[in-house]
Structure formats: C-alpha cells, structure tokens
C-alpha atoms as a PDB file:
ATOM      1  CA  MET A   1     -17.118   3.825   9.073  1.00  0.00           C
ATOM      2  CA  SER A   2     -17.040   7.584   9.595  1.00  0.00           C
ATOM      3  CA  GLU A   3     -15.012  10.163   7.689  1.00  0.00           C
ATOM      4  CA  ARG A   4     -13.854  13.620   8.713  1.00  0.00           C
ATOM      5  CA  GLN A   5     -13.262  16.254   6.022  1.00  0.00           C
ATOM      6  CA  THR A   6     -12.649  19.903   6.207  1.00  0.00           C
ATOM      7  CA  PRO A   7     -15.951  21.496   5.177  1.00  0.00           C
ATOM      8  CA  GLY A   8     -16.073  24.025   2.318  1.00  0.00           C
ATOM      9  CA  VAL A   9     -12.730  22.958   0.771  1.00  0.00           C
ATOM     10  CA  ARG A  10     -12.824  22.074  -2.890  1.00  0.00           C
ATOM     11  CA  ARG A  11     -10.511  19.183  -3.844  1.00  0.00           C
ATOM     12  CA  LEU A  12      -8.056  20.033  -6.685  1.00  0.00           C
ATOM     13  CA  ALA A  13      -5.425  17.342  -6.203  1.00  0.00           C
ATOM     14  CA  THR A  14      -5.360  14.289  -8.536  1.00  0.00           C
ATOM     15  CA  THR A  15      -3.202  12.148  -6.247  1.00  0.00           C
ATOM     16  CA  LEU A  16      -4.484  10.625  -2.979  1.00  0.00           C
ATOM     17  CA  VAL A  17      -1.982   9.233  -0.424  1.00  0.00           C
ATOM     18  CA  VAL A  18      -3.674   6.673   1.713  1.00  0.00           C
ATOM     19  CA  VAL A  19      -2.144   5.820   5.020  1.00  0.00           C
ATOM     20  CA  PRO A  20      -3.545   2.695   6.680  1.00  0.00           C
ATOM     21  CA  ALA A  21      -2.817   3.003  10.417  1.00  0.00           C
ATOM     22  CA  LEU A  22      -3.182   0.697  13.356  1.00  0.00           C
ATOM     23  CA  ASN A  23      -2.106   2.024  16.809  1.00  0.00           C
ATOM     24  CA  GLU A  24       0.643   4.342  15.253  1.00  0.00           C
ATOM     25  CA  GLU A  25      -0.040   7.337  17.665  1.00  0.00           C
ATOM     26  CA  SER A  26       3.662   7.868  18.173  1.00  0.00           C
ATOM     27  CA  ALA A  27       4.744   7.818  14.472  1.00  0.00           C
ATOM     28  CA  ILE A  28       1.691   9.084  12.466  1.00  0.00           C
ATOM     29  CA  ALA A  29       2.364  12.780  13.094  1.00  0.00           C
ATOM     30  CA  GLY A  30       5.868  12.559  11.699  1.00  0.00           C
ATOM     31  CA  VAL A  31       4.665  10.687   8.675  1.00  0.00           C
ATOM     32  CA  LEU A  32       1.960  13.241   7.924  1.00  0.00           C
ATOM     33  CA  LYS A  33       4.221  16.168   8.214  1.00  0.00           C
ATOM     34  CA  GLU A  34       6.735  14.591   5.933  1.00  0.00           C
ATOM     35  CA  LEU A  35       3.973  13.966   3.341  1.00  0.00           C
ATOM     36  CA  ALA A  36       2.874  17.589   3.518  1.00  0.00           C
ATOM     37  CA  ALA A  37       6.507  18.718   2.833  1.00  0.00           C
ATOM     38  CA  ALA A  38       7.228  16.253   0.110  1.00  0.00           C
ATOM     39  CA  CYS A  39       3.959  16.117  -1.621  1.00  0.00           C
ATOM     40  CA  PRO A  40       2.173  19.514  -1.135  1.00  0.00           C
ATOM     41  CA  ASP A  41      -0.033  18.987  -4.179  1.00  0.00           C
ATOM     42  CA  ALA A  42      -1.337  15.607  -2.999  1.00  0.00           C
ATOM     43  CA  ASP A  43      -4.308  14.939  -0.768  1.00  0.00           C
ATOM     44  CA  VAL A  44      -3.721  12.659   2.254  1.00  0.00           C
ATOM     45  CA  LEU A  45      -6.252  10.302   3.859  1.00  0.00           C
ATOM     46  CA  VAL A  46      -5.587   8.237   7.005  1.00  0.00           C
ATOM     47  CA  ILE A  47      -7.513   5.020   7.398  1.00  0.00           C
ATOM     48  CA  ASP A  48      -7.739   4.327  11.049  1.00  0.00           C
ATOM     49  CA  ASP A  49      -7.970   0.476  11.190  1.00  0.00           C
ATOM     50  CA  GLY A  50      -9.606   0.081  14.456  1.00  0.00           C
ATOM     51  CA  SER A  51      -6.894   1.727  16.538  1.00  0.00           C
ATOM     52  CA  SER A  52      -7.190   1.737  20.322  1.00  0.00           C
ATOM     53  CA  ASP A  53      -4.889   4.676  20.827  1.00  0.00           C
ATOM     54  CA  GLY A  54      -4.703   8.245  19.703  1.00  0.00           C
ATOM     55  CA  THR A  55      -3.803   7.636  15.998  1.00  0.00           C
ATOM     56  CA  ALA A  56      -6.955   9.332  14.684  1.00  0.00           C
ATOM     57  CA  ALA A  57      -6.684  12.161  17.098  1.00  0.00           C
ATOM     58  CA  GLN A  58      -3.075  12.874  15.920  1.00  0.00           C
ATOM     59  CA  ALA A  59      -4.093  12.954  12.295  1.00  0.00           C
ATOM     60  CA  THR A  60      -7.129  15.115  12.967  1.00  0.00           C
ATOM     61  CA  ALA A  61      -5.091  17.648  14.971  1.00  0.00           C
ATOM     62  CA  LEU A  62      -2.938  18.132  11.783  1.00  0.00           C
ATOM     63  CA  GLY A  63      -6.065  18.729   9.655  1.00  0.00           C
ATOM     64  CA  VAL A  64      -5.875  15.368   7.833  1.00  0.00           C
ATOM     65  CA  PRO A  65      -9.091  13.673   7.000  1.00  0.00           C
ATOM     66  CA  VAL A  66      -9.637  10.297   8.777  1.00  0.00           C
ATOM     67  CA  VAL A  67     -11.794   7.359   7.868  1.00  0.00           C
ATOM     68  CA  ARG A  68     -12.401   5.353  11.111  1.00  0.00           C
ATOM     69  CA  LEU A  69     -13.031   1.692  10.653  1.00  0.00           C
ATOM     70  CA  PRO A  70     -15.236   0.194  13.353  1.00  0.00           C
ATOM     71  CA  PHE A  71     -12.834  -2.660  13.981  1.00  0.00           C
ATOM     72  CA  ASN A  72      -9.502  -3.877  12.593  1.00  0.00           C
ATOM     73  CA  LEU A  73      -9.857  -5.135   8.970  1.00  0.00           C
ATOM     74  CA  GLY A  74      -6.158  -5.443   8.234  1.00  0.00           C
ATOM     75  CA  VAL A  75      -4.193  -3.523   5.564  1.00  0.00           C
ATOM     76  CA  GLY A  76      -6.232  -5.044   2.706  1.00  0.00           C
ATOM     77  CA  GLY A  77      -9.485  -3.967   4.202  1.00  0.00           C
ATOM     78  CA  ALA A  78      -8.202  -0.516   5.015  1.00  0.00           C
ATOM     79  CA  MET A  79      -6.790   0.007   1.523  1.00  0.00           C
ATOM     80  CA  ARG A  80     -10.076  -1.086  -0.149  1.00  0.00           C
ATOM     81  CA  ALA A  81     -11.843   1.648   1.850  1.00  0.00           C
ATOM     82  CA  GLY A  82      -9.094   4.124   0.583  1.00  0.00           C
ATOM     83  CA  TYR A  83      -9.513   3.051  -3.074  1.00  0.00           C
ATOM     84  CA  ARG A  84     -13.415   3.323  -2.718  1.00  0.00           C
ATOM     85  CA  HIS A  85     -12.874   6.905  -1.416  1.00  0.00           C
ATOM     86  CA  ALA A  86     -10.489   7.693  -4.278  1.00  0.00           C
ATOM     87  CA  LEU A  87     -12.881   6.303  -6.900  1.00  0.00           C
ATOM     88  CA  ARG A  88     -15.729   8.239  -5.424  1.00  0.00           C
ATOM     89  CA  HIS A  89     -13.956  11.522  -5.445  1.00  0.00           C
ATOM     90  CA  GLY A  90     -12.292  11.159  -8.814  1.00  0.00           C
ATOM     91  CA  TYR A  91      -8.586  10.808  -7.995  1.00  0.00           C
ATOM     92  CA  THR A  92      -6.322   9.441 -10.749  1.00  0.00           C
ATOM     93  CA  ALA A  93      -3.564   8.108  -8.633  1.00  0.00           C
ATOM     94  CA  VAL A  94      -3.434   6.402  -5.242  1.00  0.00           C
ATOM     95  CA  VAL A  95      -0.262   5.977  -3.232  1.00  0.00           C
ATOM     96  CA  GLN A  96      -0.136   3.610  -0.301  1.00  0.00           C
ATOM     97  CA  VAL A  97       2.265   4.772   2.576  1.00  0.00           C
ATOM     98  CA  ASP A  98       2.751   2.915   5.905  1.00  0.00           C
ATOM     99  CA  ALA A  99       2.148   4.794   9.026  1.00  0.00           C
ATOM    100  CA  ASP A 100       5.350   3.621  10.794  1.00  0.00           C
ATOM    101  CA  GLY A 101       7.768   5.926   8.983  1.00  0.00           C
ATOM    102  CA  GLN A 102       9.564   3.323   6.853  1.00  0.00           C
ATOM    103  CA  HIS A 103       8.371   4.701   3.562  1.00  0.00           C
ATOM    104  CA  ASP A 104      10.252   7.757   2.312  1.00  0.00           C
ATOM    105  CA  ALA A 105       7.789  10.316   0.972  1.00  0.00           C
ATOM    106  CA  ALA A 106      10.436  11.782  -1.303  1.00  0.00           C
ATOM    107  CA  TYR A 107       9.988   8.784  -3.591  1.00  0.00           C
ATOM    108  CA  ILE A 108       6.258   9.386  -4.170  1.00  0.00           C
ATOM    109  CA  PRO A 109       6.624  11.701  -7.150  1.00  0.00           C
ATOM    110  CA  ARG A 110       8.808   9.114  -8.867  1.00  0.00           C
ATOM    111  CA  LEU A 111       6.166   6.357  -8.192  1.00  0.00           C
ATOM    112  CA  VAL A 112       3.351   8.585  -9.505  1.00  0.00           C
ATOM    113  CA  ALA A 113       5.420   9.701 -12.605  1.00  0.00           C
ATOM    114  CA  GLU A 114       5.871   5.934 -13.512  1.00  0.00           C
ATOM    115  CA  LEU A 115       2.086   5.635 -13.764  1.00  0.00           C
ATOM    116  CA  ALA A 116       2.330   7.319 -17.132  1.00  0.00           C
ATOM    117  CA  THR A 117       3.249   3.939 -18.590  1.00  0.00           C
ATOM    118  CA  ALA A 118       1.996   1.603 -15.946  1.00  0.00           C
ATOM    119  CA  ASP A 119      -1.207   0.839 -13.981  1.00  0.00           C
ATOM    120  CA  LEU A 120       0.525  -0.337 -10.747  1.00  0.00           C
ATOM    121  CA  VAL A 121       3.937   0.698  -9.560  1.00  0.00           C
ATOM    122  CA  ILE A 122       5.792  -0.956  -6.743  1.00  0.00           C
ATOM    123  CA  GLY A 123       8.401   0.749  -4.598  1.00  0.00           C
ATOM    124  CA  ALA A 124      11.068  -1.992  -4.667  1.00  0.00           C
ATOM    125  CA  ARG A 125      13.536  -2.451  -1.729  1.00  0.00           C
ATOM    126  CA  PHE A 126      15.725  -4.934  -3.576  1.00  0.00           C
ATOM    127  CA  ALA A 127      16.297  -3.058  -6.852  1.00  0.00           C
ATOM    128  CA  GLY A 128      19.761  -1.483  -6.259  1.00  0.00           C
ATOM    129  CA  GLU A 129      18.840   1.477  -4.014  1.00  0.00           C
ATOM    130  CA  GLY A 130      19.466   1.517  -0.269  1.00  0.00           C
ATOM    131  CA  GLU A 131      20.882  -1.233   1.900  1.00  0.00           C
ATOM    132  CA  TYR A 132      17.720  -3.102   2.818  1.00  0.00           C
ATOM    133  CA  SER A 133      18.448  -6.804   3.025  1.00  0.00           C
ATOM    134  CA  ALA A 134      16.093  -9.686   2.511  1.00  0.00           C
ATOM    135  CA  GLY A 135      18.121 -11.783   4.938  1.00  0.00           C
ATOM    136  CA  ARG A 136      19.280 -15.320   4.399  1.00  0.00           C
ATOM    137  CA  GLY A 137      18.019 -18.875   4.107  1.00  0.00           C
ATOM    138  CA  PRO A 138      14.239 -19.572   3.938  1.00  0.00           C
ATOM    139  CA  ARG A 139      13.348 -15.894   4.070  1.00  0.00           C
ATOM    140  CA  ARG A 140      15.417 -15.074   0.935  1.00  0.00           C
ATOM    141  CA  TRP A 141      14.245 -18.284  -0.879  1.00  0.00           C
ATOM    142  CA  ALA A 142      10.659 -17.445  -0.270  1.00  0.00           C
ATOM    143  CA  MET A 143      11.058 -13.833  -1.449  1.00  0.00           C
ATOM    144  CA  SER A 144      12.990 -14.971  -4.456  1.00  0.00           C
ATOM    145  CA  LEU A 145      10.251 -17.424  -5.369  1.00  0.00           C
ATOM    146  CA  LEU A 146       7.551 -14.824  -5.077  1.00  0.00           C
ATOM    147  CA  ALA A 147       9.587 -12.429  -7.184  1.00  0.00           C
ATOM    148  CA  GLY A 148      10.305 -15.026  -9.855  1.00  0.00           C
ATOM    149  CA  VAL A 149       6.716 -16.163 -10.333  1.00  0.00           C
ATOM    150  CA  LEU A 150       5.223 -12.670 -10.285  1.00  0.00           C
ATOM    151  CA  SER A 151       7.959 -11.429 -12.694  1.00  0.00           C
ATOM    152  CA  ARG A 152       7.058 -14.113 -15.165  1.00  0.00           C
ATOM    153  CA  LEU A 153       3.338 -13.278 -14.877  1.00  0.00           C
ATOM    154  CA  ALA A 154       3.855  -9.624 -15.217  1.00  0.00           C
ATOM    155  CA  GLY A 155       6.474  -9.857 -17.989  1.00  0.00           C
ATOM    156  CA  THR A 156       8.811  -7.534 -16.234  1.00  0.00           C
ATOM    157  CA  ARG A 157      11.426  -7.873 -13.390  1.00  0.00           C
ATOM    158  CA  LEU A 158       9.830  -7.426 -10.005  1.00  0.00           C
ATOM    159  CA  THR A 159      12.236  -7.803  -7.022  1.00  0.00           C
ATOM    160  CA  ASP A 160       9.984  -6.862  -4.074  1.00  0.00           C
ATOM    161  CA  THR A 161       6.531  -8.207  -4.369  1.00  0.00           C
ATOM    162  CA  THR A 162       5.694  -7.917  -0.728  1.00  0.00           C
ATOM    163  CA  SER A 163       6.346  -4.079  -0.625  1.00  0.00           C
ATOM    164  CA  GLY A 164       3.359  -2.056   0.579  1.00  0.00           C
ATOM    165  CA  PHE A 165       4.806   1.163  -0.931  1.00  0.00           C
ATOM    166  CA  ARG A 166       2.951   1.386  -4.208  1.00  0.00           C
ATOM    167  CA  ALA A 167       1.051   3.575  -6.614  1.00  0.00           C
ATOM    168  CA  ALA A 168      -2.055   2.768  -8.565  1.00  0.00           C
ATOM    169  CA  GLY A 169      -3.392   4.559 -11.632  1.00  0.00           C
ATOM    170  CA  PRO A 170      -7.054   5.070 -12.728  1.00  0.00           C
ATOM    171  CA  ARG A 171      -7.676   1.608 -14.097  1.00  0.00           C
ATOM    172  CA  ALA A 172      -6.138  -0.095 -10.915  1.00  0.00           C
ATOM    173  CA  ILE A 173      -8.151   2.303  -8.656  1.00  0.00           C
ATOM    174  CA  GLN A 174     -11.387   1.125 -10.272  1.00  0.00           C
ATOM    175  CA  LEU A 175     -10.343  -2.541 -10.071  1.00  0.00           C
ATOM    176  CA  PHE A 176      -9.102  -2.389  -6.493  1.00  0.00           C
ATOM    177  CA  ALA A 177     -12.119  -0.393  -5.216  1.00  0.00           C
ATOM    178  CA  GLU A 178     -14.117  -3.577  -6.033  1.00  0.00           C
ATOM    179  CA  HIS A 179     -11.621  -6.406  -5.724  1.00  0.00           C
ATOM    180  CA  TYR A 180      -8.814  -5.383  -3.429  1.00  0.00           C
ATOM    181  CA  PRO A 181      -8.315  -8.509  -1.249  1.00  0.00           C
ATOM    182  CA  ALA A 182      -8.725  -8.219   2.449  1.00  0.00           C
ATOM    183  CA  GLU A 183      -7.262 -11.647   3.273  1.00  0.00           C
ATOM    184  CA  TYR A 184      -3.734 -12.464   4.444  1.00  0.00           C
ATOM    185  CA  LEU A 185      -1.179 -10.725   2.208  1.00  0.00           C
ATOM    186  CA  GLY A 186      -3.960  -9.743  -0.181  1.00  0.00           C
ATOM    187  CA  ASP A 187      -2.670  -6.086  -0.132  1.00  0.00           C
ATOM    188  CA  THR A 188       0.654  -7.115  -1.738  1.00  0.00           C
ATOM    189  CA  VAL A 189       0.855 -10.556  -3.412  1.00  0.00           C
ATOM    190  CA  GLU A 190      -2.733 -11.161  -4.367  1.00  0.00           C
ATOM    191  CA  SER A 191      -3.436  -7.606  -5.488  1.00  0.00           C
ATOM    192  CA  THR A 192      -0.477  -7.822  -7.892  1.00  0.00           C
ATOM    193  CA  VAL A 193      -1.795 -11.186  -9.245  1.00  0.00           C
ATOM    194  CA  ILE A 194      -5.205  -9.636  -9.691  1.00  0.00           C
ATOM    195  CA  ALA A 195      -3.746  -6.605 -11.544  1.00  0.00           C
ATOM    196  CA  VAL A 196      -1.648  -8.867 -13.845  1.00  0.00           C
ATOM    197  CA  ARG A 197      -4.517 -11.217 -14.611  1.00  0.00           C
ATOM    198  CA  SER A 198      -6.591  -8.195 -15.513  1.00  0.00           C
ATOM    199  CA  GLY A 199      -4.075  -7.300 -18.139  1.00  0.00           C
ATOM    200  CA  TYR A 200      -2.752  -4.266 -16.311  1.00  0.00           C
ATOM    201  CA  ARG A 201       0.835  -3.106 -16.515  1.00  0.00           C
ATOM    202  CA  VAL A 202       2.904  -3.551 -13.417  1.00  0.00           C
ATOM    203  CA  ARG A 203       6.285  -1.936 -12.981  1.00  0.00           C
ATOM    204  CA  GLN A 204       8.720  -1.182 -10.116  1.00  0.00           C
ATOM    205  CA  VAL A 205      10.749   1.748  -8.956  1.00  0.00           C
ATOM    206  CA  PRO A 206      13.925   1.330  -6.823  1.00  0.00           C
ATOM    207  CA  VAL A 207      13.352   2.869  -3.390  1.00  0.00           C
ATOM    208  CA  ALA A 208      15.337   2.877  -0.027  1.00  0.00           C
ATOM    209  CA  MET A 209      13.396   1.893   3.151  1.00  0.00           C
ATOM    210  CA  ARG A 210      13.996   3.214   6.609  1.00  0.00           C
ATOM    211  CA  PRO A 211      13.752   1.688  10.088  1.00  0.00           C
ATOM    212  CA  ARG A 212      10.381   2.215  11.825  1.00  0.00           C
ATOM    213  CA  ALA A 213      10.026   5.677  13.297  1.00  0.00           C
ATOM    214  CA  SER A 214       8.873   4.154  16.557  1.00  0.00           C
ATOM    215  CA  GLY A 215       7.921   0.871  18.150  1.00  0.00           C
ATOM    216  CA  ARG A 216       9.269  -2.309  16.807  1.00  0.00           C
ATOM    217  CA  ALA A 217       8.638  -4.692  14.035  1.00  0.00           C
ATOM    218  CA  SER A 218       5.824  -7.079  14.800  1.00  0.00           C
ATOM    219  CA  GLN A 219       7.814 -10.134  13.746  1.00  0.00           C
ATOM    220  CA  SER A 220      10.953 -11.879  14.956  1.00  0.00           C
ATOM    221  CA  SER A 221      13.322 -13.592  12.506  1.00  0.00           C
ATOM    222  CA  LEU A 222      11.468 -16.879  13.043  1.00  0.00           C
ATOM    223  CA  ARG A 223       8.050 -15.349  12.572  1.00  0.00           C
ATOM    224  CA  ALA A 224       9.287 -13.473   9.527  1.00  0.00           C
ATOM    225  CA  THR A 225      10.365 -16.771   8.105  1.00  0.00           C
ATOM    226  CA  ILE A 226       7.002 -18.307   8.736  1.00  0.00           C
ATOM    227  CA  TYR A 227       5.372 -15.191   7.271  1.00  0.00           C
ATOM    228  CA  LEU A 228       7.164 -15.533   4.081  1.00  0.00           C
ATOM    229  CA  PHE A 229       6.440 -19.240   3.745  1.00  0.00           C
ATOM    230  CA  ARG A 230       2.802 -18.396   4.216  1.00  0.00           C
ATOM    231  CA  ALA A 231       3.333 -15.758   1.417  1.00  0.00           C
ATOM    232  CA  VAL A 232       4.054 -18.647  -0.846  1.00  0.00           C
ATOM    233  CA  VAL A 233       0.762 -20.370   0.110  1.00  0.00           C
ATOM    234  CA  ALA A 234      -0.956 -16.970  -0.452  1.00  0.00           C
ATOM    235  CA  LEU A 235       0.565 -16.759  -3.899  1.00  0.00           C
ATOM    236  CA  GLY A 236      -0.703 -20.273  -4.798  1.00  0.00           C
ATOM    237  CA  LEU A 237      -4.204 -19.464  -3.633  1.00  0.00           C
ATOM    238  CA  ALA A 238      -4.132 -16.223  -5.567  1.00  0.00           C
ATOM    239  CA  LEU A 239      -3.164 -17.962  -8.776  1.00  0.00           C
ATOM    240  CA  VAL A 240      -5.889 -20.492  -8.551  1.00  0.00           C
ATOM    241  CA  ARG A 241      -8.690 -18.237  -7.177  1.00  0.00           C
ATOM    242  CA  ARG A 242     -11.317 -17.271  -9.729  1.00  0.00           C
ATOM    243  CA  TRP A 243     -13.074 -13.944  -9.611  1.00  0.00           C
ATOM    244  CA  THR A 244     -15.347 -12.164 -11.977  1.00  0.00           C
ATOM    245  CA  PRO A 245     -15.145  -8.381 -12.335  1.00  0.00           C
ATOM    246  CA  GLY A 246     -18.449  -6.635 -11.881  1.00  0.00           C
ATOM    247  CA  SER A 247     -19.459  -2.950 -11.579  1.00  0.00           C
ATOM    248  CA  PRO A 248     -17.049  -0.827  -9.606  1.00  0.00           C
ATOM    249  CA  ALA A 249     -17.953  -0.244  -6.050  1.00  0.00           C
ATOM    250  CA  VAL A 250     -18.827   3.314  -5.252  1.00  0.00           C
END
C-alpha cells in the first residue's frame, strides 16, 4: 500500500477519522468537505480499497491523505489499515465514516465524547433518533437476534450491531490494529464480539442516518434479507472462534 501525506506538517489532532472507500468518486468530496466543517480539529484519512475510479484523486485534490490498497480487501481490511496507521501515529480515537454520505459528521463529537467511559461506541440507527427503519419480516428478525445476543454479551443495550458508524478509544485501537477481522461482516459483528470478549466497554449513541449521497445501495430487499441471515452465521462463527492476542501490529 502507499500513503500520501502533506510533508512538513506536524500532527496535533488526537482523533483520526478513517474513511474506507471503494469507487465513491461522486460522493467522497462532499463527505470530506463535511468532515472538515464538522470536525476541524480531527485528522482524516481515506483508505482507497482498490478503487477503479477517481476516488483517490478526489481526496488528494482536497489535501486529504490517502492510503491506497493494491486490491479490494473489503471494509474490514481497509479499517485494519486505518487502525494500524492510527496506532503508529499515536491517535487516541478512531472514527469510522462511510464514503457514501450516509453518516452525518455532526454526530462525531458525540461519539468521541462517549469514549470517556467506553472503549467502543456504535452510532445506532434504531435508538430513537431519525426515521431509519429495519424493515419487516426476516430482516427485522435477524437484526433483533444480533442485537439481543450482543446486548447480553456486552451487558448493555445495543440496537444496531451492523452499524459501521463507530468510534474506538486507545485500547480498542491497539486491539483492532492486530485483530480487526477482514472476513465477511468482520468490521461490525465480529469486531464487536472481539471487543466484548477482550473485556472492553461497548456503548451506543443514537444517530440519524441519511440516504446515500450518490449511486444506489448494493443490495435489493431480497439480498438484504440474505445478507442479514448470513450475519447470524457470522455471529455464530465469531462466538466460537478462538484467537490469542499477541503484540500490537505497528
């Protein structure tokens, strides 16, 4: 992977906003401009996850550092690169923000503030803010099952365990730099299981989600239902998988 940074600039921020991006040329500029306005004291890093369009060029034109992955690793692989960067450079908070414009940057200070009493904070769509709906039937059942199991594990109410809008504190950064899963749904369900099984505190903050800034969602209603049933399988694998923490990756 290659990384572009502005030479001679000393980093003062303690929060790093990581934006994993795959072919989001039409949306990324708007997301980055919003981040600059809402979080002027945070650093932003784009992880170009093997894009074939001008995603990286759009970010570079705005002066935002870009890590270019040689091929598509998925959100989990992209975020692991982001956590390793954060650990290497001494950040104390990492916030994951999607490149499609669905995550409202105005909530980021609230997510980071919650890290004062937690190690991992999830921006929850189904916690009373906004009008985002989980749908009906199998989709809702699967999401309710995931929320119920992870709430019990975490010892706190978690309503949106598949949300990618989340913040990690120092202990979680160190853990995820080494163990952030790159497999299917690893960036949401399994990463939460790993944090809980490591004894870390997981909390949620109510957020409102927006429609995509451009393009369209990658999944139809049928595919979304299949996705969420597969999420249940991913949860089962995460619960039985054994892993042994070693030295943090740097």
